[in-house]
Amino acid sequence: MKLLLLSLFCVFTVKFVASVDYDDEDSDNAPKADGGRVDARGHRPVDRRREPVPTLRPAPPPISKGGYQARPTKPPTRGQKKENIVYPDAGGCKHASDELGVLCPTGCELQTSLVKQEKSVKSDLRDLKEKVEKQSDVSTTFYQYINTLEDKLAKRQKQVKDNENVISEYNTEIEQHYTFIRENMDNNIPSSLRVLRSVVDTLHKKIQKLENAIATQMDNCRSSCIVSCNIPVVSGKECEDIIRKGGESSEMYLIQPDAFFKPYKVYCDMSTERGGWTLIQNRQDGSVGFGRTWDAYKQGFGNIAKSEGKKYCDTPGEYWLGNDKISQLTKMGPTEVLIEMEDWNGDKVSAHYRGFTIQNEANKYQLSVSNYKGTAGNALMDGASQLYGENRTMTVHNGMFFSTFDRDNDGWVHADPRKQCSKEDGGGWWYNRCHSANPNGRYYWGGQYSWDMAKHGTDDGVVWMNWKGSWYSLKKMSMKIRPFFPQ
């Protein structure tokens, strides 16, 4: 009997401890901030009656052997003449792959703007037509009024013999009115109609020009864009290899990590922390949507770079390099990743992981990071700093598989197939249940947004919870990688 009572007491103690450790978002004992309940939607709280408690997936450690040696010191440049870099003429030069596509700002945005202008012009044209119709109605009234006056004039003339003086007075007044109206009918109204017709003709010509411009843009959009800036002659396996070969300016380069695969274009950052960074992700103006399919994230999308008035592509665009390419680059040797962020006030922070590896597609591009340092907060390894216990664990990204809205690999196990992180949070990412960081989320101008602005009522912006919380969408965020080597 004592053993039975002791067993029941132990079971009750375990259940009580479990209930205390679990942070229910509806509990009055949940951690609070700023005098109220923590408003963190990066996770999806567990309903323990229906769903299993999430567990972290074991992640293989990032690659740590091999790679580059330290960079050789440069010889003194004093007394030596620096050779000027001569770029090829417009049109670029031939590289390993002639048919390789290039990217530039597309004309499709112009098409959208022209279509909007066409809509506004058509609405103005409809308003003018309505005014012309009203003017026509007024003219008809004037004509009816003239006919009435002419009838009255005829009747008055019959009474001239009986009362010539009275009739003459009224007749003079009527003739004055008649003259005034006839002058308006003969002069003012026709001139107004002529002006309206000329306006309509001008608008019609503008509409024709817009239609021609739209047709031209449609023809241009059917074929791939051709970049208008040159690509440097120097190339390499990745940006670190290029900077060691003498490519020192930050711009678009051609890289070929493997001789058996086609080369492709990337933007190389050659100035941040001694340079050599390959930009794999960039958000800066919301010009590219990141709510893409699995295949789009696999191959990459967006605009690699553009020219700001120079002959080379010196400014990065918004893009995702592609999971296959990112995995290939991180598998070449030890790799580090630098995640830089900027809010709408111009403040900047960063998260630097000295270990970073992405597995191949067969392993669902599993993420592995290590050795954090930085000022943004270790969201990928520690989860959201606003949460505690299981709620915080389910926002850890390290070890997660990559998910898109058409390929659900997140850590949210739910009977409803519509309940998945990528659908609710706006982009492809290494979601858990669901996130503490959401760099590929929806782009909100101004920073602050709310649940009623979000499509699914979740924090689906460009979020890094450990810096700005769930309901602040950052202005800029970029991810760049480099082979890890002794500094």
Protein backbone atom coordinates (compact mmCIF):
# COMPACT_ATOMS: atom_id res chain seq x y z
CA MET A 1 0.00 0.00 0.00
CA LYS A 2 2.86 2.38 0.86
CA LEU A 3 4.55 1.61 -2.45
CA LEU A 4 1.30 2.39 -4.31
CA LEU A 5 0.89 5.72 -2.53
CA LEU A 6 4.54 6.56 -3.17
CA SER A 7 4.10 5.81 -6.91
CA LEU A 8 0.99 8.00 -7.16
CA PHE A 9 2.85 10.81 -5.38
CA CYS A 10 5.76 10.59 -7.86
CA VAL A 11 3.42 10.69 -10.89
CA PHE A 12 1.60 13.71 -9.48
CA THR A 13 4.94 15.48 -8.83
CA VAL A 14 6.18 14.86 -12.40
CA LYS A 15 2.92 16.18 -13.92
CA PHE A 16 3.02 19.22 -11.67
CA VAL A 17 6.62 20.04 -12.62
CA ALA A 18 5.79 19.58 -16.32
CA SER A 19 2.85 21.94 -16.05
CA VAL A 20 5.02 24.54 -14.29
CA ASP A 21 7.82 24.27 -16.89
CA TYR A 22 5.41 24.73 -19.82
CA ASP A 23 4.84 28.38 -20.76
CA ASP A 24 1.24 28.61 -21.94
CA GLU A 25 0.63 31.85 -23.82
CA ASP A 26 -2.81 32.13 -22.16
CA SER A 27 -1.40 31.71 -18.65
CA ASP A 28 -1.34 34.61 -16.21
CA ASN A 29 2.13 33.51 -15.13
CA ALA A 30 3.63 33.88 -18.64
CA PRO A 31 6.66 36.21 -18.80
CA LYS A 32 5.70 39.82 -19.36
CA ALA A 33 7.48 42.84 -20.83
CA ASP A 34 6.65 46.55 -20.77
CA GLY A 35 3.95 45.87 -18.20
CA GLY A 36 1.99 43.49 -20.44
CA ARG A 37 2.05 40.01 -21.91
CA VAL A 38 4.90 39.18 -24.28
CA ASP A 39 3.61 39.57 -27.84
CA ALA A 40 5.84 37.12 -29.72
CA ARG A 41 4.29 35.37 -32.70
CA GLY A 42 7.46 33.85 -34.12
CA HIS A 43 6.49 30.56 -32.47
CA ARG A 44 3.24 28.63 -32.53
CA PRO A 45 2.40 27.58 -28.92
CA VAL A 46 1.86 23.88 -28.32
CA ASP A 47 -1.58 22.52 -27.56
CA ARG A 48 -0.40 19.63 -25.40
CA ARG A 49 -3.78 17.88 -25.62
CA ARG A 50 -3.49 17.50 -29.40
CA GLU A 51 0.10 18.04 -30.53
CA PRO A 52 3.46 16.50 -29.59
CA VAL A 53 6.14 18.58 -27.91
CA PRO A 54 8.71 19.68 -30.55
CA THR A 55 12.21 18.26 -30.38
CA LEU A 56 15.33 19.75 -31.93
CA ARG A 57 16.70 17.87 -34.90
CA PRO A 58 20.34 16.83 -34.61
CA ALA A 59 22.36 18.94 -37.03
CA PRO A 60 25.72 17.83 -38.39
CA PRO A 61 28.39 20.30 -37.30
CA PRO A 62 29.64 22.79 -39.92
CA ILE A 63 32.68 21.77 -41.93
CA SER A 64 35.85 22.75 -40.01
CA LYS A 65 38.81 21.14 -41.81
CA GLY A 66 40.73 22.21 -44.89
CA GLY A 67 40.03 25.49 -46.67
CA TYR A 68 42.20 28.56 -47.21
CA GLN A 69 45.39 29.56 -45.47
CA ALA A 70 45.87 33.11 -44.27
CA ARG A 71 46.07 35.73 -47.00
CA PRO A 72 49.64 36.65 -48.04
CA THR A 73 50.68 40.15 -47.07
CA LYS A 74 50.78 42.61 -49.92
CA PRO A 75 54.19 44.11 -50.96
CA PRO A 76 54.64 47.82 -50.26
CA THR A 77 53.06 49.93 -52.94
CA ARG A 78 55.19 53.07 -52.37
CA GLY A 79 57.11 53.93 -55.48
CA GLN A 80 55.14 51.51 -57.65
CA LYS A 81 52.73 52.65 -60.29
CA LYS A 82 49.25 51.19 -59.96
CA GLU A 83 48.02 49.81 -63.20
CA ASN A 84 44.65 51.13 -64.27
CA ILE A 85 41.98 48.48 -64.68
CA VAL A 86 40.73 48.62 -68.23
CA TYR A 87 37.23 47.33 -68.58
CA PRO A 88 35.97 45.91 -71.88
CA ASP A 89 33.82 48.02 -74.15
CA ALA A 90 30.05 47.97 -73.76
CA GLY A 91 28.75 44.49 -74.30
CA GLY A 92 31.19 42.76 -71.97
CA CYS A 93 33.56 40.00 -72.94
CA LYS A 94 33.13 36.33 -73.58
CA HIS A 95 33.34 33.97 -70.62
CA ALA A 96 33.12 30.25 -70.09
CA SER A 97 29.46 30.20 -70.98
CA ASP A 98 28.21 32.43 -73.80
CA GLU A 99 24.60 31.51 -73.27
CA LEU A 100 24.65 32.41 -69.60
CA GLY A 101 21.76 34.65 -68.74
CA VAL A 102 22.33 38.03 -67.20
CA LEU A 103 20.20 40.20 -65.05
CA CYS A 104 19.30 43.85 -65.04
CA PRO A 105 16.41 45.92 -63.86
CA THR A 106 13.46 44.59 -65.89
CA GLY A 107 11.07 46.69 -67.91
CA CYS A 108 8.07 44.92 -66.40
CA GLU A 109 7.86 47.58 -63.64
CA LEU A 110 7.55 50.18 -66.43
CA GLN A 111 4.77 48.13 -67.94
CA THR A 112 2.90 48.15 -64.62
CA SER A 113 3.32 51.93 -64.35
CA LEU A 114 2.11 52.45 -67.91
CA VAL A 115 -0.93 50.25 -67.31
CA LYS A 116 -1.75 52.32 -64.21
CA GLN A 117 -1.43 55.54 -66.23
CA GLU A 118 -3.65 54.08 -68.93
CA LYS A 119 -6.32 53.34 -66.33
CA SER A 120 -6.18 56.93 -65.01
CA VAL A 121 -6.34 58.37 -68.55
CA LYS A 122 -9.31 56.18 -69.38
CA SER A 123 -11.11 57.38 -66.27
CA ASP A 124 -10.41 61.02 -67.23
CA LEU A 125 -11.70 60.27 -70.73
CA ARG A 126 -14.91 58.84 -69.33
CA ASP A 127 -15.35 62.00 -67.22
CA LEU A 128 -14.88 64.19 -70.30
CA LYS A 129 -17.42 62.16 -72.24
CA GLU A 130 -19.92 62.64 -69.42
CA LYS A 131 -19.29 66.40 -69.47
CA VAL A 132 -19.76 66.49 -73.25
CA GLU A 133 -23.07 64.65 -72.88
CA LYS A 134 -24.20 67.12 -70.21
CA GLN A 135 -23.22 70.01 -72.48
CA SER A 136 -25.22 68.43 -75.27
CA ASP A 137 -28.26 68.23 -72.98
CA VAL A 138 -27.81 71.91 -72.08
CA SER A 139 -27.60 72.79 -75.80
CA THR A 140 -30.86 70.95 -76.43
CA THR A 141 -32.48 72.97 -73.66
CA PHE A 142 -31.20 76.16 -75.24
CA TYR A 143 -32.64 75.17 -78.61
CA GLN A 144 -36.01 74.39 -77.01
CA TYR A 145 -35.92 77.72 -75.26
CA ILE A 146 -35.26 79.53 -78.57
CA ASN A 147 -38.17 77.76 -80.23
CA THR A 148 -40.40 78.83 -77.36
CA LEU A 149 -39.25 82.41 -77.70
CA GLU A 150 -39.88 82.37 -81.42
CA ASP A 151 -43.45 81.17 -80.77
CA LYS A 152 -43.98 83.92 -78.24
CA LEU A 153 -42.56 86.42 -80.68
CA ALA A 154 -45.03 85.32 -83.34
CA LYS A 155 -47.93 85.67 -80.90
CA ARG A 156 -46.74 89.06 -79.79
CA GLN A 157 -46.57 90.29 -83.36
CA LYS A 158 -50.25 89.50 -83.80
CA GLN A 159 -51.04 91.92 -80.97
CA VAL A 160 -49.08 94.82 -82.49
CA LYS A 161 -52.15 96.25 -84.16
CA ASP A 162 -54.06 96.38 -80.84
CA ASN A 163 -51.30 97.76 -78.65
CA GLU A 164 -48.21 98.71 -80.66
CA ASN A 165 -46.49 100.55 -77.82
CA VAL A 166 -46.72 97.69 -75.31
CA ILE A 167 -45.83 95.11 -77.91
CA SER A 168 -42.83 97.15 -79.08
CA GLU A 169 -41.45 97.35 -75.53
CA TYR A 170 -41.75 93.62 -74.94
CA ASN A 171 -40.55 92.89 -78.45
CA THR A 172 -37.36 94.88 -77.88
CA GLU A 173 -36.64 93.04 -74.65
CA ILE A 174 -37.31 89.67 -76.22
CA GLU A 175 -35.09 90.55 -79.17
CA GLN A 176 -32.27 91.41 -76.75
CA HIS A 177 -32.62 88.05 -75.00
CA TYR A 178 -32.83 86.31 -78.30
CA THR A 179 -29.70 88.04 -79.57
CA PHE A 180 -27.75 87.16 -76.44
CA ILE A 181 -28.74 83.52 -76.61
CA ARG A 182 -28.09 83.28 -80.34
CA GLU A 183 -24.62 84.77 -79.90
CA ASN A 184 -23.84 82.21 -77.21
CA MET A 185 -25.19 79.44 -79.41
CA ASP A 186 -23.20 80.60 -82.43
CA ASN A 187 -19.93 81.50 -80.71
CA ASN A 188 -19.32 80.17 -77.22
CA ILE A 189 -20.82 76.68 -77.38
CA PRO A 190 -19.20 75.67 -80.69
CA SER A 191 -15.82 76.92 -79.45
CA SER A 192 -16.20 74.90 -76.23
CA LEU A 193 -17.10 71.83 -78.24
CA ARG A 194 -14.06 72.36 -80.43
CA VAL A 195 -11.83 72.59 -77.34
CA LEU A 196 -13.32 69.40 -75.91
CA ARG A 197 -12.85 67.62 -79.24
CA SER A 198 -9.20 68.69 -79.36
CA VAL A 199 -8.69 67.44 -75.78
CA VAL A 200 -10.29 64.11 -76.67
CA ASP A 201 -8.11 63.83 -79.76
CA THR A 202 -4.99 64.59 -77.72
CA LEU A 203 -5.90 61.97 -75.14
CA HIS A 204 -6.59 59.47 -77.87
CA LYS A 205 -3.11 60.07 -79.31
CA LYS A 206 -1.57 59.64 -75.87
CA ILE A 207 -3.45 56.38 -75.38
CA GLN A 208 -2.14 55.14 -78.72
CA LYS A 209 1.42 56.02 -77.68
CA LEU A 210 0.92 54.18 -74.37
CA GLU A 211 -0.44 51.15 -76.18
CA ASN A 212 2.59 51.14 -78.48
CA ALA A 213 4.95 51.49 -75.51
CA ILE A 214 3.18 48.64 -73.68
CA ALA A 215 3.40 46.45 -76.76
CA THR A 216 7.11 47.21 -77.02
CA GLN A 217 7.66 46.35 -73.35
CA MET A 218 5.69 43.13 -73.75
CA ASP A 219 7.99 42.16 -76.63
CA ASN A 220 11.02 42.97 -74.49
CA CYS A 221 9.70 40.92 -71.57
CA ARG A 222 9.33 37.84 -73.75
CA SER A 223 13.09 37.71 -74.15
CA SER A 224 15.64 37.64 -71.33
CA CYS A 225 17.08 40.94 -70.12
CA ILE A 226 20.65 41.81 -71.08
CA VAL A 227 22.74 43.54 -68.45
CA SER A 228 24.00 46.97 -69.46
CA CYS A 229 27.25 46.86 -67.49
CA ASN A 230 30.46 44.96 -67.98
CA ILE A 231 31.66 41.99 -65.93
CA PRO A 232 35.29 42.05 -64.74
CA VAL A 233 37.73 39.78 -66.54
CA VAL A 234 38.98 38.35 -63.24
CA SER A 235 36.95 35.38 -61.98
CA GLY A 236 37.43 32.49 -59.54
CA LYS A 237 35.83 29.72 -57.51
CA GLU A 238 34.15 32.28 -55.26
CA CYS A 239 34.67 35.86 -54.10
CA GLU A 240 37.54 35.03 -51.72
CA ASP A 241 39.40 33.42 -54.61
CA ILE A 242 38.70 36.53 -56.73
CA ILE A 243 40.02 39.00 -54.14
CA ARG A 244 43.20 36.94 -53.86
CA LYS A 245 43.58 37.22 -57.63
CA GLY A 246 43.36 41.00 -57.52
CA GLY A 247 39.63 41.75 -57.80
CA GLU A 248 39.32 44.46 -55.16
CA SER A 249 36.14 46.38 -56.10
CA SER A 250 32.70 45.39 -54.81
CA GLU A 251 30.64 44.50 -57.85
CA MET A 252 29.17 41.63 -59.87
CA TYR A 253 31.62 38.85 -60.82
CA LEU A 254 31.49 35.50 -62.56
CA ILE A 255 32.36 32.49 -60.36
CA GLN A 256 32.72 28.76 -61.05
CA PRO A 257 33.10 26.69 -57.86
CA ASP A 258 33.23 23.42 -59.82
CA ALA A 259 34.69 22.92 -63.30
CA PHE A 260 31.93 20.43 -64.12
CA PHE A 261 29.18 23.04 -63.63
CA LYS A 262 28.43 26.24 -65.51
CA PRO A 263 29.74 29.51 -64.06
CA TYR A 264 27.22 31.97 -62.70
CA LYS A 265 27.06 35.57 -61.55
CA VAL A 266 27.20 36.77 -57.94
CA TYR A 267 27.74 40.06 -56.15
CA CYS A 268 31.05 40.17 -54.24
CA ASP A 269 31.49 42.43 -51.20
CA MET A 270 35.20 43.30 -51.17
CA SER A 271 35.12 45.98 -48.44
CA THR A 272 33.32 44.57 -45.36
CA GLU A 273 35.79 43.03 -42.87
CA ARG A 274 38.59 42.67 -45.44
CA GLY A 275 36.18 41.54 -48.19
CA GLY A 276 35.90 38.24 -50.03
CA TRP A 277 32.17 37.83 -49.22
CA THR A 278 29.76 36.16 -51.63
CA LEU A 279 26.29 37.69 -51.27
CA ILE A 280 23.71 34.87 -51.11
CA GLN A 281 20.65 36.88 -50.01
CA ASN A 282 19.72 40.57 -50.05
CA ARG A 283 16.61 42.57 -49.05
CA GLN A 284 16.68 46.35 -49.48
CA ASP A 285 13.60 47.81 -51.20
CA GLY A 286 10.90 45.15 -51.61
CA SER A 287 11.31 45.07 -55.40
CA VAL A 288 11.44 41.25 -55.46
CA GLY A 289 8.83 38.96 -53.89
CA PHE A 290 10.22 36.11 -51.77
CA GLY A 291 7.04 34.02 -51.51
CA ARG A 292 8.41 31.49 -54.02
CA THR A 293 8.23 27.75 -54.66
CA TRP A 294 10.75 25.07 -53.71
CA ASP A 295 12.19 25.01 -57.24
CA ALA A 296 12.59 28.81 -57.27
CA TYR A 297 14.58 28.74 -54.02
CA LYS A 298 16.55 25.79 -55.36
CA GLN A 299 17.63 27.60 -58.53
CA GLY A 300 17.70 31.18 -57.22
CA PHE A 301 15.76 34.30 -58.24
CA GLY A 302 15.89 38.10 -58.27
CA ASN A 303 18.31 40.72 -59.64
CA ILE A 304 22.00 40.10 -58.91
CA ALA A 305 23.23 43.68 -59.38
CA LYS A 306 22.72 46.96 -61.21
CA SER A 307 24.77 49.96 -62.26
CA GLU A 308 24.47 53.34 -60.56
CA GLY A 309 25.84 55.31 -63.51
CA LYS A 310 29.08 53.36 -63.84
CA LYS A 311 30.22 50.92 -66.49
CA TYR A 312 30.09 48.00 -64.08
CA CYS A 313 27.43 46.57 -61.76
CA ASP A 314 28.47 48.21 -58.50
CA THR A 315 25.18 47.96 -56.56
CA PRO A 316 23.58 44.68 -55.40
CA GLY A 317 19.95 43.95 -56.18
CA GLU A 318 17.38 41.91 -54.28
CA TYR A 319 17.92 38.19 -54.80
CA TRP A 320 18.31 34.69 -53.39
CA LEU A 321 21.36 32.95 -54.87
CA GLY A 322 19.83 29.45 -54.88
CA ASN A 323 20.00 26.57 -52.39
CA ASP A 324 21.96 24.32 -54.75
CA LYS A 325 24.63 26.99 -55.21
CA ILE A 326 24.74 27.88 -51.50
CA SER A 327 25.08 24.20 -50.54
CA GLN A 328 27.87 23.73 -53.09
CA LEU A 329 29.79 26.77 -51.78
CA THR A 330 29.54 25.71 -48.12
CA LYS A 331 30.62 22.14 -48.92
CA MET A 332 33.92 23.33 -50.44
CA GLY A 333 35.43 23.87 -46.99
CA PRO A 334 34.92 25.71 -43.68
CA THR A 335 32.50 28.57 -44.28
CA GLU A 336 31.36 31.57 -42.24
CA VAL A 337 28.23 33.64 -42.72
CA LEU A 338 27.66 37.33 -41.93
CA ILE A 339 24.04 38.52 -41.57
CA GLU A 340 23.75 42.32 -41.67
CA MET A 341 20.60 44.28 -40.80
CA GLU A 342 19.42 47.89 -40.86
CA ASP A 343 16.24 49.42 -39.47
CA TRP A 344 14.28 52.38 -40.87
CA ASN A 345 16.22 54.84 -38.68
CA GLY A 346 19.57 53.80 -40.17
CA ASP A 347 20.74 51.78 -37.15
CA LYS A 348 22.73 48.66 -38.03
CA VAL A 349 23.56 45.35 -36.32
CA SER A 350 24.99 42.02 -37.45
CA ALA A 351 25.08 38.32 -36.62
CA HIS A 352 28.32 36.49 -37.49
CA TYR A 353 28.52 32.68 -37.47
CA ARG A 354 31.99 31.24 -38.03
CA GLY A 355 30.51 27.87 -38.90
CA PHE A 356 27.89 27.60 -41.64
CA THR A 357 26.93 24.58 -43.78
CA ILE A 358 23.89 23.78 -45.92
CA GLN A 359 23.26 20.15 -46.84
CA ASN A 360 22.15 19.11 -50.35
CA GLU A 361 18.58 18.72 -51.60
CA ALA A 362 18.45 15.04 -50.62
CA ASN A 363 18.90 16.22 -47.01
CA LYS A 364 16.36 19.04 -47.50
CA TYR A 365 19.10 21.70 -47.36
CA GLN A 366 19.47 21.23 -43.58
CA LEU A 367 21.01 24.22 -41.80
CA SER A 368 24.02 24.01 -39.46
CA VAL A 369 25.58 27.05 -37.76
CA SER A 370 28.06 27.53 -34.90
CA ASN A 371 30.37 30.03 -33.15
CA TYR A 372 28.15 33.11 -32.98
CA LYS A 373 29.35 36.63 -32.36
CA GLY A 374 27.63 39.92 -33.10
CA THR A 375 25.20 42.61 -31.93
CA ALA A 376 21.87 41.34 -33.34
CA GLY A 377 21.34 38.41 -30.95
CA ASN A 378 21.88 34.70 -31.57
CA ALA A 379 18.45 33.96 -33.01
CA LEU A 380 19.50 30.97 -35.16
CA MET A 381 21.00 28.93 -32.31
CA ASP A 382 19.28 30.21 -29.15
CA GLY A 383 15.83 31.14 -30.46
CA ALA A 384 13.79 34.21 -29.50
CA SER A 385 15.13 35.94 -26.39
CA GLN A 386 11.60 37.10 -25.42
CA LEU A 387 10.42 33.50 -24.91
CA TYR A 388 11.19 30.81 -22.33
CA GLY A 389 11.15 27.05 -22.01
CA GLU A 390 9.54 25.06 -24.79
CA ASN A 391 8.24 28.20 -26.49
CA ARG A 392 11.81 29.40 -26.96
CA THR A 393 13.09 25.99 -28.06
CA MET A 394 10.61 25.87 -30.91
CA THR A 395 12.10 29.06 -32.43
CA VAL A 396 15.63 27.64 -32.81
CA HIS A 397 16.61 27.40 -36.51
CA ASN A 398 19.85 25.44 -36.24
CA GLY A 399 19.32 21.89 -37.56
CA MET A 400 16.07 22.73 -39.36
CA PHE A 401 15.19 21.67 -42.91
CA PHE A 402 14.35 24.26 -45.56
CA SER A 403 10.61 24.85 -46.16
CA THR A 404 8.52 26.58 -48.82
CA PHE A 405 4.76 26.87 -49.16
CA ASP A 406 4.72 23.92 -51.57
CA ARG A 407 7.25 21.77 -49.62
CA ASP A 408 6.56 21.63 -45.87
CA ASN A 409 9.61 20.51 -43.86
CA ASP A 410 9.20 22.66 -40.74
CA GLY A 411 9.01 21.54 -37.11
CA TRP A 412 5.29 22.29 -36.77
CA VAL A 413 3.48 18.95 -36.70
CA HIS A 414 -0.22 19.67 -37.18
CA ALA A 415 -3.19 17.68 -38.44
CA ASP A 416 -4.35 20.62 -40.54
CA PRO A 417 -2.17 20.79 -43.71
CA ARG A 418 -2.87 24.52 -43.98
CA LYS A 419 -0.97 25.07 -40.73
CA GLN A 420 2.58 25.42 -41.96
CA CYS A 421 5.14 28.12 -41.31
CA SER A 422 6.07 29.06 -44.86
CA LYS A 423 2.45 29.71 -45.86
CA GLU A 424 1.82 31.85 -42.79
CA ASP A 425 5.15 33.71 -42.71
CA GLY A 426 5.58 34.71 -46.35
CA GLY A 427 8.77 33.07 -47.64
CA GLY A 428 11.13 30.11 -47.78
CA TRP A 429 13.33 29.55 -44.71
CA TRP A 430 14.67 27.03 -42.19
CA TYR A 431 11.47 27.20 -40.12
CA ASN A 432 10.96 25.44 -36.81
CA ARG A 433 7.64 26.22 -35.12
CA CYS A 434 7.98 28.77 -36.58
CA HIS A 435 10.79 31.34 -36.30
CA SER A 436 12.83 33.83 -34.38
CA ALA A 437 14.29 35.13 -37.65
CA ASN A 438 12.43 35.57 -40.94
CA PRO A 439 14.78 37.28 -43.47
CA ASN A 440 12.70 36.12 -46.45
CA GLY A 441 9.35 37.36 -45.13
CA ARG A 442 7.06 40.01 -46.60
CA TYR A 443 8.51 43.51 -47.02
CA TYR A 444 6.65 46.20 -45.01
CA TRP A 445 7.56 49.86 -45.60
CA GLY A 446 8.17 51.92 -42.48
CA GLY A 447 9.05 49.12 -40.06
CA GLN A 448 6.12 48.81 -37.68
CA TYR A 449 3.21 46.61 -38.77
CA SER A 450 0.39 44.74 -37.01
CA TRP A 451 -1.42 41.41 -37.13
CA ASP A 452 -4.36 42.88 -39.08
CA MET A 453 -1.96 43.98 -41.85
CA ALA A 454 -0.56 40.45 -42.20
CA LYS A 455 -2.21 37.96 -44.55
CA HIS A 456 -2.56 35.28 -41.87
CA GLY A 457 -2.32 37.47 -38.76
CA THR A 458 1.26 36.31 -38.05
CA ASP A 459 4.56 38.16 -37.85
CA ASP A 460 5.38 37.57 -41.51
CA GLY A 461 7.69 40.59 -42.01
CA VAL A 462 11.48 40.75 -42.46
CA VAL A 463 11.96 39.93 -38.78
CA TRP A 464 14.88 39.37 -36.39
CA MET A 465 13.09 39.01 -33.07
CA ASN A 466 16.17 39.30 -30.85
CA TRP A 467 16.77 42.85 -32.10
CA LYS A 468 13.43 44.46 -32.98
CA GLY A 469 10.79 41.92 -31.93
CA SER A 470 8.03 40.27 -33.96
CA TRP A 471 6.17 43.31 -35.28
CA TYR A 472 9.02 45.30 -36.83
CA SER A 473 9.99 44.61 -40.44
CA LEU A 474 13.58 45.61 -41.19
CA LYS A 475 14.53 47.92 -44.06
CA LYS A 476 17.61 45.97 -45.13
CA MET A 477 18.93 42.48 -44.47
CA SER A 478 21.67 40.57 -46.27
CA MET A 479 23.46 37.23 -45.91
CA LYS A 480 26.99 36.82 -47.23
CA ILE A 481 29.39 33.88 -46.93
CA ARG A 482 33.16 33.48 -47.11
CA PRO A 483 35.60 30.57 -46.64
CA PHE A 484 36.69 30.58 -43.01
CA PHE A 485 40.46 31.04 -42.64
CA PRO A 486 42.87 32.42 -40.01
CA GLN A 487 42.90 36.22 -40.01
